[in-house]
Amino acid sequence: MDPPVRGLLHRPAQAPSDALILTHGAGSNCHAPLLVALANFFAQYGYLVLRCDLPFRQVRPTGPPRPGDAPRDRQGLANSVASVKELVSGRIFLGGHSYGGRQSTMLVAEHPELVSGLLLLSYPLHPPRNPQQLRVQHLPKLRVPSLFVHGTRDPFGSIQEIESALKLIPAAARILTVDGAGHDLGFKGKKTGEELPIGILEALRQLMGSPNTNQQ
């Protein structure tokens, strides 16, 4: 499989039905504290969770993606979905932080049958201090439910800007606002409690429906 799928798999205590794939932002990797917290929490509630490194990070341990990396990164996400489909019988949700979330939306806009829904953490709507450079061209092609989790102090897009972008999406879409949080949603370099993962899980259930899993 090229590019290969590399990451860590979180298995729930009992056989899973649904799965969640999580990937990272441009300056991070699959060990990001936010992804680790979400993966551990969702696995407790019956999801099989894969947190994976995008292909650009597999090649370079530091630094952002380079021009031209994005198509291969999207293929890496597609390969991750294909791998997880062999492990579960139910729905697959694709999620990512910042750059990883944006690449997820672009992939699913072109292949709406790929997953059942999207979990988008701090979607990078535009570069900081450059609100005219919106990254929304593909959003009208999204045909799966999407949950956007966004901090009120995120320089990559205000809550009002995200709400306007959601109006472009023909499928069900909602925003979960994190008060006072920046682009890292409060998880930068520290351990946090379960309040945010609980909120994300409940919002995902409301948007997508409860999973067919054995929950705690």
N, C-alpha and C. Protein backbone atom coordinates (compact mmCIF):
# COMPACT_ATOMS: atom_id res chain seq x y z
N MET A 1 0.85 -1.19 0.00
CA MET A 1 0.00 0.00 0.00
C MET A 1 0.88 1.24 0.00
N ASP A 2 0.71 2.08 -0.96
CA ASP A 2 1.55 3.27 -1.08
C ASP A 2 0.66 4.52 -1.22
N PRO A 3 0.87 5.50 -0.33
CA PRO A 3 1.78 5.51 0.81
C PRO A 3 1.30 4.59 1.93
N PRO A 4 2.23 4.14 2.77
CA PRO A 4 1.85 3.21 3.83
C PRO A 4 1.04 3.89 4.92
N VAL A 5 0.36 3.08 5.71
CA VAL A 5 -0.39 3.57 6.86
C VAL A 5 0.46 3.35 8.10
N ARG A 6 0.77 4.44 8.82
CA ARG A 6 1.61 4.34 10.01
C ARG A 6 0.95 5.12 11.14
N GLY A 7 0.80 4.48 12.27
CA GLY A 7 0.19 5.13 13.40
C GLY A 7 -0.02 4.16 14.53
N LEU A 8 -0.94 4.53 15.42
CA LEU A 8 -1.24 3.69 16.58
C LEU A 8 -2.72 3.39 16.61
N LEU A 9 -3.03 2.14 16.93
CA LEU A 9 -4.41 1.67 16.94
C LEU A 9 -4.88 1.53 18.39
N HIS A 10 -6.02 2.11 18.69
CA HIS A 10 -6.63 1.99 20.01
C HIS A 10 -7.83 1.07 19.87
N ARG A 11 -7.78 -0.06 20.56
CA ARG A 11 -8.86 -1.04 20.48
C ARG A 11 -9.72 -0.95 21.74
N PRO A 12 -11.04 -0.93 21.57
CA PRO A 12 -11.91 -0.93 22.75
C PRO A 12 -11.90 -2.29 23.44
N ALA A 13 -12.46 -2.32 24.66
CA ALA A 13 -12.46 -3.56 25.44
C ALA A 13 -13.25 -4.66 24.74
N GLN A 14 -14.33 -4.28 24.05
CA GLN A 14 -15.14 -5.27 23.36
C GLN A 14 -15.09 -5.00 21.85
N ALA A 15 -15.53 -5.98 21.07
CA ALA A 15 -15.44 -5.87 19.62
C ALA A 15 -16.13 -4.60 19.13
N PRO A 16 -15.44 -3.78 18.35
CA PRO A 16 -16.03 -2.52 17.89
C PRO A 16 -16.91 -2.71 16.67
N SER A 17 -17.80 -1.76 16.47
CA SER A 17 -18.57 -1.70 15.23
C SER A 17 -18.14 -0.49 14.41
N ASP A 18 -18.02 0.67 15.09
CA ASP A 18 -17.66 1.91 14.41
C ASP A 18 -16.20 2.27 14.68
N ALA A 19 -15.64 3.10 13.80
CA ALA A 19 -14.23 3.47 13.93
C ALA A 19 -14.05 4.96 13.67
N LEU A 20 -12.97 5.49 14.25
CA LEU A 20 -12.58 6.89 14.06
C LEU A 20 -11.12 6.94 13.68
N ILE A 21 -10.82 7.67 12.60
CA ILE A 21 -9.43 7.89 12.18
C ILE A 21 -9.08 9.35 12.48
N LEU A 22 -7.96 9.56 13.15
CA LEU A 22 -7.53 10.90 13.53
C LEU A 22 -6.14 11.18 12.98
N THR A 23 -5.95 12.37 12.46
CA THR A 23 -4.62 12.76 12.02
C THR A 23 -4.34 14.20 12.45
N HIS A 24 -3.15 14.65 12.21
CA HIS A 24 -2.57 15.81 12.87
C HIS A 24 -2.50 17.04 11.96
N GLY A 25 -2.02 18.13 12.56
CA GLY A 25 -1.83 19.37 11.83
C GLY A 25 -0.48 19.45 11.15
N ALA A 26 -0.22 20.59 10.50
CA ALA A 26 0.98 20.74 9.69
C ALA A 26 2.27 20.71 10.50
N GLY A 27 2.22 21.13 11.76
CA GLY A 27 3.43 21.18 12.56
C GLY A 27 3.53 20.09 13.60
N SER A 28 2.70 19.07 13.49
CA SER A 28 2.63 18.07 14.55
C SER A 28 2.73 16.66 13.98
N ASN A 29 2.31 15.68 14.80
CA ASN A 29 2.30 14.29 14.38
C ASN A 29 1.19 13.57 15.15
N CYS A 30 1.13 12.27 15.01
CA CYS A 30 0.02 11.52 15.62
C CYS A 30 0.12 11.43 17.13
N HIS A 31 1.23 11.93 17.71
CA HIS A 31 1.38 11.93 19.16
C HIS A 31 0.89 13.23 19.80
N ALA A 32 0.25 14.09 19.03
CA ALA A 32 -0.27 15.34 19.57
C ALA A 32 -1.19 15.07 20.75
N PRO A 33 -1.07 15.82 21.85
CA PRO A 33 -1.88 15.56 23.05
C PRO A 33 -3.38 15.52 22.77
N LEU A 34 -3.87 16.38 21.90
CA LEU A 34 -5.30 16.38 21.58
C LEU A 34 -5.72 15.05 20.96
N LEU A 35 -4.93 14.55 20.01
CA LEU A 35 -5.28 13.28 19.36
C LEU A 35 -5.20 12.10 20.33
N VAL A 36 -4.20 12.12 21.19
CA VAL A 36 -4.06 11.03 22.17
C VAL A 36 -5.27 11.02 23.11
N ALA A 37 -5.66 12.20 23.60
CA ALA A 37 -6.80 12.28 24.52
C ALA A 37 -8.08 11.80 23.86
N LEU A 38 -8.31 12.23 22.63
CA LEU A 38 -9.52 11.82 21.92
C LEU A 38 -9.52 10.33 21.63
N ALA A 39 -8.38 9.80 21.20
CA ALA A 39 -8.30 8.38 20.87
C ALA A 39 -8.57 7.52 22.10
N ASN A 40 -7.95 7.86 23.22
CA ASN A 40 -8.18 7.09 24.44
C ASN A 40 -9.63 7.16 24.87
N PHE A 41 -10.22 8.35 24.78
CA PHE A 41 -11.59 8.52 25.25
C PHE A 41 -12.58 7.78 24.35
N PHE A 42 -12.46 7.94 23.04
CA PHE A 42 -13.39 7.27 22.14
C PHE A 42 -13.26 5.75 22.23
N ALA A 43 -12.06 5.25 22.44
CA ALA A 43 -11.89 3.80 22.59
C ALA A 43 -12.62 3.30 23.84
N GLN A 44 -12.68 4.11 24.88
CA GLN A 44 -13.42 3.72 26.08
C GLN A 44 -14.92 3.56 25.78
N TYR A 45 -15.39 4.24 24.76
CA TYR A 45 -16.80 4.20 24.43
C TYR A 45 -17.10 3.34 23.20
N GLY A 46 -16.22 2.41 22.93
CA GLY A 46 -16.52 1.38 21.96
C GLY A 46 -16.03 1.59 20.54
N TYR A 47 -15.32 2.68 20.29
CA TYR A 47 -14.81 2.94 18.94
C TYR A 47 -13.42 2.32 18.77
N LEU A 48 -13.16 1.79 17.61
CA LEU A 48 -11.79 1.49 17.20
C LEU A 48 -11.21 2.80 16.68
N VAL A 49 -10.05 3.21 17.19
CA VAL A 49 -9.49 4.50 16.81
C VAL A 49 -8.08 4.31 16.25
N LEU A 50 -7.84 4.87 15.09
CA LEU A 50 -6.50 4.92 14.50
C LEU A 50 -6.05 6.38 14.48
N ARG A 51 -4.95 6.67 15.16
CA ARG A 51 -4.33 7.99 14.99
C ARG A 51 -3.06 7.78 14.18
N CYS A 52 -2.98 8.47 13.07
CA CYS A 52 -1.94 8.14 12.08
C CYS A 52 -1.16 9.38 11.65
N ASP A 53 0.06 9.12 11.22
CA ASP A 53 0.91 10.15 10.63
C ASP A 53 0.61 10.28 9.14
N LEU A 54 0.45 11.49 8.68
CA LEU A 54 0.28 11.73 7.25
C LEU A 54 1.59 11.40 6.52
N PRO A 55 1.52 11.11 5.23
CA PRO A 55 2.74 10.74 4.49
C PRO A 55 3.87 11.76 4.58
N PHE A 56 3.54 13.07 4.58
CA PHE A 56 4.63 14.05 4.66
C PHE A 56 5.40 13.91 5.97
N ARG A 57 4.69 13.57 7.05
CA ARG A 57 5.35 13.42 8.35
C ARG A 57 6.12 12.11 8.42
N GLN A 58 5.69 11.11 7.71
CA GLN A 58 6.43 9.85 7.67
C GLN A 58 7.81 10.05 7.04
N VAL A 59 7.90 10.98 6.10
CA VAL A 59 9.16 11.24 5.40
C VAL A 59 10.04 12.21 6.16
N ARG A 60 9.42 13.23 6.78
CA ARG A 60 10.18 14.27 7.49
C ARG A 60 9.65 14.39 8.91
N PRO A 61 10.49 14.12 9.91
CA PRO A 61 10.00 14.14 11.29
C PRO A 61 9.65 15.51 11.83
N THR A 62 10.14 16.57 11.18
CA THR A 62 9.81 17.92 11.62
C THR A 62 9.51 18.77 10.39
N GLY A 63 8.89 19.92 10.66
CA GLY A 63 8.62 20.87 9.58
C GLY A 63 7.25 20.66 8.97
N PRO A 64 6.74 21.68 8.29
CA PRO A 64 5.41 21.61 7.68
C PRO A 64 5.43 20.86 6.36
N PRO A 65 4.26 20.52 5.84
CA PRO A 65 4.22 19.92 4.49
C PRO A 65 4.73 20.90 3.45
N ARG A 66 5.26 20.35 2.38
CA ARG A 66 5.79 21.18 1.29
C ARG A 66 4.76 21.29 0.18
N PRO A 67 4.91 22.28 -0.69
CA PRO A 67 4.02 22.36 -1.85
C PRO A 67 4.05 21.05 -2.64
N GLY A 68 2.91 20.52 -2.94
CA GLY A 68 2.83 19.26 -3.67
C GLY A 68 2.62 18.05 -2.79
N ASP A 69 2.73 18.21 -1.45
CA ASP A 69 2.53 17.07 -0.55
C ASP A 69 1.06 16.68 -0.41
N ALA A 70 0.15 17.64 -0.58
CA ALA A 70 -1.25 17.42 -0.23
C ALA A 70 -1.90 16.23 -0.95
N PRO A 71 -1.73 16.05 -2.26
CA PRO A 71 -2.36 14.89 -2.91
C PRO A 71 -1.92 13.56 -2.32
N ARG A 72 -0.64 13.44 -2.01
CA ARG A 72 -0.15 12.18 -1.41
C ARG A 72 -0.68 12.03 0.02
N ASP A 73 -0.81 13.14 0.73
CA ASP A 73 -1.37 13.06 2.08
C ASP A 73 -2.83 12.59 2.03
N ARG A 74 -3.58 13.07 1.04
CA ARG A 74 -4.97 12.62 0.90
C ARG A 74 -5.03 11.14 0.53
N GLN A 75 -4.12 10.68 -0.29
CA GLN A 75 -4.08 9.25 -0.61
C GLN A 75 -3.75 8.44 0.63
N GLY A 76 -2.89 8.97 1.48
CA GLY A 76 -2.58 8.29 2.72
C GLY A 76 -3.80 8.16 3.60
N LEU A 77 -4.64 9.19 3.64
CA LEU A 77 -5.88 9.11 4.40
C LEU A 77 -6.82 8.07 3.80
N ALA A 78 -6.92 8.04 2.48
CA ALA A 78 -7.76 7.03 1.83
C ALA A 78 -7.27 5.62 2.16
N ASN A 79 -5.96 5.44 2.19
CA ASN A 79 -5.40 4.13 2.54
C ASN A 79 -5.71 3.77 4.00
N SER A 80 -5.71 4.78 4.87
CA SER A 80 -6.05 4.54 6.27
C SER A 80 -7.49 4.06 6.39
N VAL A 81 -8.38 4.69 5.64
CA VAL A 81 -9.78 4.27 5.66
C VAL A 81 -9.91 2.83 5.17
N ALA A 82 -9.21 2.51 4.09
CA ALA A 82 -9.27 1.15 3.56
C ALA A 82 -8.77 0.13 4.57
N SER A 83 -7.72 0.48 5.31
CA SER A 83 -7.18 -0.45 6.31
C SER A 83 -8.16 -0.66 7.46
N VAL A 84 -8.79 0.42 7.91
CA VAL A 84 -9.71 0.33 9.04
C VAL A 84 -10.97 -0.43 8.64
N LYS A 85 -11.38 -0.30 7.38
CA LYS A 85 -12.58 -1.02 6.93
C LYS A 85 -12.44 -2.53 7.08
N GLU A 86 -11.23 -3.01 7.10
CA GLU A 86 -11.00 -4.45 7.27
C GLU A 86 -11.17 -4.87 8.73
N LEU A 87 -11.29 -3.91 9.63
CA LEU A 87 -11.31 -4.21 11.07
C LEU A 87 -12.66 -3.99 11.73
N VAL A 88 -13.57 -3.25 11.06
CA VAL A 88 -14.88 -2.97 11.65
C VAL A 88 -15.98 -3.23 10.63
N SER A 89 -17.18 -3.45 11.14
CA SER A 89 -18.32 -3.71 10.27
C SER A 89 -19.24 -2.50 10.13
N GLY A 90 -19.03 -1.48 10.97
CA GLY A 90 -19.94 -0.34 11.00
C GLY A 90 -19.39 0.89 10.29
N ARG A 91 -19.74 2.02 10.85
CA ARG A 91 -19.38 3.29 10.23
C ARG A 91 -17.93 3.68 10.52
N ILE A 92 -17.37 4.47 9.61
CA ILE A 92 -16.03 5.02 9.80
C ILE A 92 -16.14 6.54 9.73
N PHE A 93 -15.57 7.20 10.74
CA PHE A 93 -15.50 8.66 10.78
C PHE A 93 -14.05 9.07 10.58
N LEU A 94 -13.85 10.09 9.75
CA LEU A 94 -12.51 10.59 9.46
C LEU A 94 -12.35 11.95 10.10
N GLY A 95 -11.28 12.12 10.86
CA GLY A 95 -11.09 13.39 11.55
C GLY A 95 -9.65 13.84 11.53
N GLY A 96 -9.48 15.12 11.73
CA GLY A 96 -8.14 15.64 11.76
C GLY A 96 -8.08 17.03 12.35
N HIS A 97 -6.89 17.37 12.84
CA HIS A 97 -6.64 18.69 13.39
C HIS A 97 -6.03 19.58 12.32
N SER A 98 -6.59 20.76 12.11
CA SER A 98 -6.05 21.78 11.22
C SER A 98 -5.80 21.22 9.81
N TYR A 99 -4.52 21.15 9.39
CA TYR A 99 -4.18 20.66 8.05
C TYR A 99 -4.75 19.27 7.79
N GLY A 100 -4.67 18.40 8.80
CA GLY A 100 -5.21 17.05 8.63
C GLY A 100 -6.71 17.06 8.39
N GLY A 101 -7.42 17.95 9.08
CA GLY A 101 -8.85 18.07 8.85
C GLY A 101 -9.18 18.64 7.49
N ARG A 102 -8.39 19.61 7.07
CA ARG A 102 -8.64 20.20 5.75
C ARG A 102 -8.44 19.16 4.65
N GLN A 103 -7.36 18.38 4.74
CA GLN A 103 -7.14 17.34 3.74
C GLN A 103 -8.25 16.29 3.78
N SER A 104 -8.78 16.04 4.96
CA SER A 104 -9.90 15.09 5.08
C SER A 104 -11.12 15.61 4.34
N THR A 105 -11.42 16.91 4.50
CA THR A 105 -12.58 17.46 3.81
C THR A 105 -12.40 17.43 2.29
N MET A 106 -11.19 17.71 1.83
CA MET A 106 -10.94 17.71 0.39
C MET A 106 -11.06 16.30 -0.19
N LEU A 107 -10.57 15.31 0.57
CA LEU A 107 -10.69 13.92 0.12
C LEU A 107 -12.14 13.48 0.05
N VAL A 108 -12.92 13.78 1.09
CA VAL A 108 -14.30 13.33 1.14
C VAL A 108 -15.19 14.13 0.19
N ALA A 109 -14.82 15.36 -0.11
CA ALA A 109 -15.56 16.11 -1.12
C ALA A 109 -15.49 15.42 -2.47
N GLU A 110 -14.36 14.79 -2.77
CA GLU A 110 -14.20 14.08 -4.03
C GLU A 110 -14.72 12.65 -3.96
N HIS A 111 -14.75 12.07 -2.75
CA HIS A 111 -15.17 10.67 -2.59
C HIS A 111 -16.16 10.58 -1.43
N PRO A 112 -17.39 11.03 -1.61
CA PRO A 112 -18.35 11.09 -0.49
C PRO A 112 -18.74 9.73 0.07
N GLU A 113 -18.50 8.68 -0.69
CA GLU A 113 -18.86 7.35 -0.21
C GLU A 113 -17.81 6.76 0.74
N LEU A 114 -16.71 7.46 0.91
CA LEU A 114 -15.57 6.91 1.63
C LEU A 114 -15.85 6.70 3.12
N VAL A 115 -16.50 7.70 3.76
CA VAL A 115 -16.75 7.63 5.20
C VAL A 115 -18.17 8.09 5.51
N SER A 116 -18.58 7.88 6.76
CA SER A 116 -19.93 8.26 7.19
C SER A 116 -20.00 9.68 7.72
N GLY A 117 -18.86 10.25 8.11
CA GLY A 117 -18.88 11.60 8.66
C GLY A 117 -17.48 12.11 8.92
N LEU A 118 -17.39 13.41 9.22
CA LEU A 118 -16.12 14.08 9.44
C LEU A 118 -16.09 14.73 10.81
N LEU A 119 -14.93 14.67 11.48
CA LEU A 119 -14.67 15.37 12.73
C LEU A 119 -13.51 16.31 12.48
N LEU A 120 -13.77 17.62 12.48
CA LEU A 120 -12.79 18.62 12.05
C LEU A 120 -12.41 19.49 13.23
N LEU A 121 -11.18 19.35 13.68
CA LEU A 121 -10.67 20.04 14.85
C LEU A 121 -9.87 21.26 14.41
N SER A 122 -10.35 22.46 14.75
CA SER A 122 -9.66 23.71 14.39
C SER A 122 -9.44 23.79 12.88
N TYR A 123 -10.52 23.71 12.12
CA TYR A 123 -10.39 23.79 10.66
C TYR A 123 -9.71 25.11 10.28
N PRO A 124 -8.63 25.06 9.48
CA PRO A 124 -7.89 26.29 9.12
C PRO A 124 -8.60 27.03 7.98
N LEU A 125 -9.58 27.82 8.35
CA LEU A 125 -10.41 28.48 7.34
C LEU A 125 -9.62 29.44 6.47
N HIS A 126 -8.65 30.10 7.07
CA HIS A 126 -7.76 31.01 6.32
C HIS A 126 -6.46 31.16 7.10
N PRO A 127 -5.37 31.61 6.47
CA PRO A 127 -4.14 31.86 7.23
C PRO A 127 -4.37 32.98 8.24
N PRO A 128 -3.64 32.96 9.36
CA PRO A 128 -3.78 34.06 10.32
C PRO A 128 -3.52 35.42 9.67
N ARG A 129 -4.35 36.38 10.03
CA ARG A 129 -4.25 37.76 9.54
C ARG A 129 -4.48 37.88 8.04
N ASN A 130 -5.06 36.86 7.44
CA ASN A 130 -5.35 36.92 6.00
C ASN A 130 -6.72 36.33 5.73
N PRO A 131 -7.77 36.98 6.23
CA PRO A 131 -9.12 36.41 6.11
C PRO A 131 -9.66 36.37 4.69
N GLN A 132 -8.99 37.05 3.76
CA GLN A 132 -9.46 37.02 2.37
C GLN A 132 -9.11 35.71 1.68
N GLN A 133 -8.13 34.99 2.20
CA GLN A 133 -7.67 33.76 1.56
C GLN A 133 -8.44 32.56 2.15
N LEU A 134 -9.71 32.49 1.83
CA LEU A 134 -10.57 31.45 2.40
C LEU A 134 -10.33 30.10 1.72
N ARG A 135 -10.37 29.05 2.53
CA ARG A 135 -10.19 27.69 2.02
C ARG A 135 -11.54 26.97 2.05
N VAL A 136 -12.42 27.42 1.19
CA VAL A 136 -13.80 26.92 1.23
C VAL A 136 -14.29 26.40 -0.12
N GLN A 137 -13.43 26.42 -1.13
CA GLN A 137 -13.89 26.12 -2.48
C GLN A 137 -14.55 24.75 -2.61
N HIS A 138 -14.08 23.78 -1.84
CA HIS A 138 -14.59 22.41 -1.94
C HIS A 138 -15.77 22.14 -1.01
N LEU A 139 -16.05 23.03 -0.08
CA LEU A 139 -17.09 22.76 0.91
C LEU A 139 -18.48 22.50 0.31
N PRO A 140 -18.88 23.17 -0.78
CA PRO A 140 -20.19 22.86 -1.36
C PRO A 140 -20.31 21.43 -1.90
N LYS A 141 -19.19 20.70 -1.98
CA LYS A 141 -19.23 19.32 -2.46
C LYS A 141 -19.28 18.30 -1.33
N LEU A 142 -19.26 18.77 -0.08
CA LEU A 142 -19.31 17.83 1.04
C LEU A 142 -20.72 17.26 1.19
N ARG A 143 -20.84 15.95 1.17
CA ARG A 143 -22.14 15.28 1.22
C ARG A 143 -22.29 14.38 2.44
N VAL A 144 -21.40 14.53 3.42
CA VAL A 144 -21.51 13.73 4.65
C VAL A 144 -21.61 14.68 5.83
N PRO A 145 -22.22 14.25 6.94
CA PRO A 145 -22.30 15.11 8.13
C PRO A 145 -20.91 15.48 8.64
N SER A 146 -20.78 16.72 9.12
CA SER A 146 -19.48 17.22 9.56
C SER A 146 -19.63 17.98 10.87
N LEU A 147 -18.77 17.63 11.84
CA LEU A 147 -18.71 18.34 13.11
C LEU A 147 -17.42 19.15 13.16
N PHE A 148 -17.55 20.47 13.29
CA PHE A 148 -16.42 21.37 13.42
C PHE A 148 -16.25 21.72 14.90
N VAL A 149 -15.05 21.50 15.44
CA VAL A 149 -14.74 21.88 16.82
C VAL A 149 -13.76 23.03 16.75
N HIS A 150 -14.14 24.19 17.31
CA HIS A 150 -13.37 25.41 17.05
C HIS A 150 -13.29 26.29 18.28
N GLY A 151 -12.10 26.81 18.56
CA GLY A 151 -11.90 27.71 19.68
C GLY A 151 -12.28 29.15 19.35
N THR A 152 -12.72 29.88 20.35
CA THR A 152 -13.15 31.26 20.12
C THR A 152 -11.98 32.21 19.88
N ARG A 153 -10.75 31.74 20.15
CA ARG A 153 -9.56 32.60 19.93
C ARG A 153 -8.66 32.02 18.84
N ASP A 154 -9.22 31.25 17.95
CA ASP A 154 -8.42 30.63 16.88
C ASP A 154 -8.12 31.67 15.80
N PRO A 155 -6.83 31.96 15.52
CA PRO A 155 -6.49 32.95 14.51
C PRO A 155 -6.73 32.47 13.08
N PHE A 156 -7.00 31.17 12.90
CA PHE A 156 -7.26 30.63 11.57
C PHE A 156 -8.73 30.76 11.16
N GLY A 157 -9.52 31.43 11.98
CA GLY A 157 -10.92 31.64 11.64
C GLY A 157 -11.73 31.94 12.89
N SER A 158 -12.56 32.97 12.81
CA SER A 158 -13.44 33.29 13.94
C SER A 158 -14.64 32.36 13.92
N ILE A 159 -15.37 32.33 15.02
CA ILE A 159 -16.59 31.52 15.07
C ILE A 159 -17.58 32.00 14.02
N GLN A 160 -17.70 33.30 13.87
CA GLN A 160 -18.62 33.84 12.86
C GLN A 160 -18.21 33.41 11.46
N GLU A 161 -16.91 33.41 11.17
CA GLU A 161 -16.43 32.98 9.85
C GLU A 161 -16.71 31.50 9.62
N ILE A 162 -16.50 30.68 10.66
CA ILE A 162 -16.78 29.25 10.52
C ILE A 162 -18.27 29.03 10.29
N GLU A 163 -19.10 29.74 11.02
CA GLU A 163 -20.54 29.59 10.85
C GLU A 163 -20.97 29.96 9.43
N SER A 164 -20.36 30.98 8.86
CA SER A 164 -20.66 31.35 7.47
C SER A 164 -20.21 30.25 6.51
N ALA A 165 -19.04 29.66 6.78
CA ALA A 165 -18.54 28.59 5.92
C ALA A 165 -19.44 27.37 5.97
N LEU A 166 -20.01 27.08 7.13
CA LEU A 166 -20.88 25.92 7.27
C LEU A 166 -22.13 26.04 6.39
N LYS A 167 -22.53 27.25 6.07
CA LYS A 167 -23.71 27.45 5.23
C LYS A 167 -23.47 26.99 3.79
N LEU A 168 -22.19 26.81 3.43
CA LEU A 168 -21.85 26.33 2.09
C LEU A 168 -22.01 24.82 1.95
N ILE A 169 -22.09 24.12 3.07
CA ILE A 169 -22.11 22.66 3.07
C ILE A 169 -23.54 22.16 2.94
N PRO A 170 -23.86 21.39 1.91
CA PRO A 170 -25.24 20.92 1.73
C PRO A 170 -25.66 19.83 2.71
N ALA A 171 -24.71 19.12 3.29
CA ALA A 171 -25.02 18.08 4.27
C ALA A 171 -25.14 18.70 5.66
N ALA A 172 -25.56 17.88 6.62
CA ALA A 172 -25.66 18.35 8.01
C ALA A 172 -24.29 18.75 8.52
N ALA A 173 -24.21 19.93 9.14
CA ALA A 173 -22.95 20.42 9.68
C ALA A 173 -23.25 21.28 10.89
N ARG A 174 -22.42 21.14 11.91
CA ARG A 174 -22.60 21.96 13.10
C ARG A 174 -21.24 22.29 13.68
N ILE A 175 -21.22 23.30 14.56
CA ILE A 175 -19.99 23.73 15.20
C ILE A 175 -20.11 23.53 16.70
N LEU A 176 -19.05 22.99 17.31
CA LEU A 176 -18.92 22.90 18.75
C LEU A 176 -17.88 23.94 19.15
N THR A 177 -18.32 24.96 19.87
CA THR A 177 -17.45 26.08 20.25
C THR A 177 -16.73 25.78 21.55
N VAL A 178 -15.42 26.06 21.58
CA VAL A 178 -14.62 25.87 22.79
C VAL A 178 -14.20 27.25 23.28
N ASP A 179 -14.81 27.68 24.35
CA ASP A 179 -14.63 29.04 24.86
C ASP A 179 -13.19 29.30 25.29
N GLY A 180 -12.61 30.39 24.78
CA GLY A 180 -11.29 30.81 25.19
C GLY A 180 -10.14 30.03 24.59
N ALA A 181 -10.41 29.03 23.77
CA ALA A 181 -9.34 28.18 23.21
C ALA A 181 -8.80 28.75 21.92
N GLY A 182 -7.52 28.53 21.70
CA GLY A 182 -6.88 28.89 20.44
C GLY A 182 -6.86 27.71 19.48
N HIS A 183 -5.89 27.73 18.58
CA HIS A 183 -5.84 26.72 17.52
C HIS A 183 -5.56 25.32 18.07
N ASP A 184 -4.90 25.23 19.25
CA ASP A 184 -4.60 23.92 19.83
C ASP A 184 -5.73 23.39 20.69
N LEU A 185 -6.83 24.13 20.79
CA LEU A 185 -8.00 23.75 21.59
C LEU A 185 -7.64 23.49 23.05
N GLY A 186 -6.54 24.12 23.52
CA GLY A 186 -6.16 24.01 24.92
C GLY A 186 -5.31 22.81 25.25
N PHE A 187 -4.84 22.06 24.25
CA PHE A 187 -4.10 20.82 24.51
C PHE A 187 -2.60 20.93 24.24
N LYS A 188 -2.08 22.10 24.09
CA LYS A 188 -0.67 22.22 23.71
C LYS A 188 0.26 21.86 24.86
N GLY A 189 0.97 20.77 24.70
CA GLY A 189 2.01 20.39 25.63
C GLY A 189 1.56 20.11 27.05
N LYS A 190 0.30 19.74 27.23
CA LYS A 190 -0.14 19.45 28.58
C LYS A 190 -1.24 18.41 28.56
N LYS A 191 -1.43 17.76 29.68
CA LYS A 191 -2.54 16.84 29.82
C LYS A 191 -3.76 17.62 30.31
N THR A 192 -4.91 17.25 29.82
CA THR A 192 -6.13 17.93 30.22
C THR A 192 -7.15 16.90 30.68
N GLY A 193 -8.24 17.40 31.21
CA GLY A 193 -9.30 16.51 31.66
C GLY A 193 -10.14 16.02 30.50
N GLU A 194 -11.28 15.44 30.81
CA GLU A 194 -12.12 14.80 29.81
C GLU A 194 -13.25 15.68 29.31
N GLU A 195 -13.32 16.92 29.77
CA GLU A 195 -14.47 17.76 29.43
C GLU A 195 -14.62 17.93 27.92
N LEU A 196 -13.53 18.26 27.23
CA LEU A 196 -13.62 18.45 25.78
C LEU A 196 -13.91 17.15 25.05
N PRO A 197 -13.20 16.03 25.33
CA PRO A 197 -13.57 14.77 24.66
C PRO A 197 -15.01 14.37 24.88
N ILE A 198 -15.54 14.56 26.10
CA ILE A 198 -16.94 14.24 26.35
C ILE A 198 -17.85 15.08 25.47
N GLY A 199 -17.55 16.39 25.38
CA GLY A 199 -18.36 17.27 24.55
C GLY A 199 -18.33 16.89 23.09
N ILE A 200 -17.14 16.49 22.61
CA ILE A 200 -17.01 16.09 21.21
C ILE A 200 -17.78 14.80 20.94
N LEU A 201 -17.66 13.84 21.85
CA LEU A 201 -18.38 12.58 21.68
C LEU A 201 -19.89 12.81 21.63
N GLU A 202 -20.40 13.62 22.56
CA GLU A 202 -21.84 13.86 22.60
C GLU A 202 -22.30 14.63 21.35
N ALA A 203 -21.52 15.60 20.91
CA ALA A 203 -21.89 16.35 19.70
C ALA A 203 -21.87 15.46 18.48
N LEU A 204 -20.89 14.55 18.41
CA LEU A 204 -20.82 13.63 17.28
C LEU A 204 -22.02 12.69 17.28
N ARG A 205 -22.40 12.21 18.46
CA ARG A 205 -23.58 11.35 18.56
C ARG A 205 -24.84 12.08 18.10
N GLN A 206 -24.99 13.33 18.51
CA GLN A 206 -26.18 14.09 18.13
C GLN A 206 -26.24 14.29 16.62
N LEU A 207 -25.09 14.54 16.02
CA LEU A 207 -25.05 14.81 14.58
C LEU A 207 -25.17 13.55 13.75
N MET A 208 -24.47 12.49 14.17
CA MET A 208 -24.37 11.27 13.37
C MET A 208 -25.30 10.16 13.84
N GLY A 209 -25.78 10.24 15.10
CA GLY A 209 -26.52 9.13 15.67
C GLY A 209 -25.61 8.30 16.53
N SER A 210 -26.17 7.61 17.52
CA SER A 210 -25.37 6.79 18.43
C SER A 210 -24.75 5.61 17.69
N PRO A 211 -23.51 5.26 18.04
CA PRO A 211 -22.86 4.13 17.37
C PRO A 211 -23.45 2.81 17.80
N ASN A 212 -23.32 1.82 16.96
CA ASN A 212 -23.78 0.46 17.29
C ASN A 212 -22.66 -0.29 17.99
N THR A 213 -22.35 0.16 19.19
CA THR A 213 -21.25 -0.43 19.94
C THR A 213 -21.71 -0.76 21.34
N ASN A 214 -20.90 -1.57 22.02
CA ASN A 214 -21.13 -1.85 23.43
C ASN A 214 -20.43 -0.76 24.24
N GLN A 215 -21.18 0.18 24.76
CA GLN A 215 -20.60 1.33 25.44
C GLN A 215 -20.52 1.07 26.93
N GLN A 216 -19.60 1.79 27.57
CA GLN A 216 -19.47 1.72 29.01
C GLN A 216 -20.62 2.50 29.66
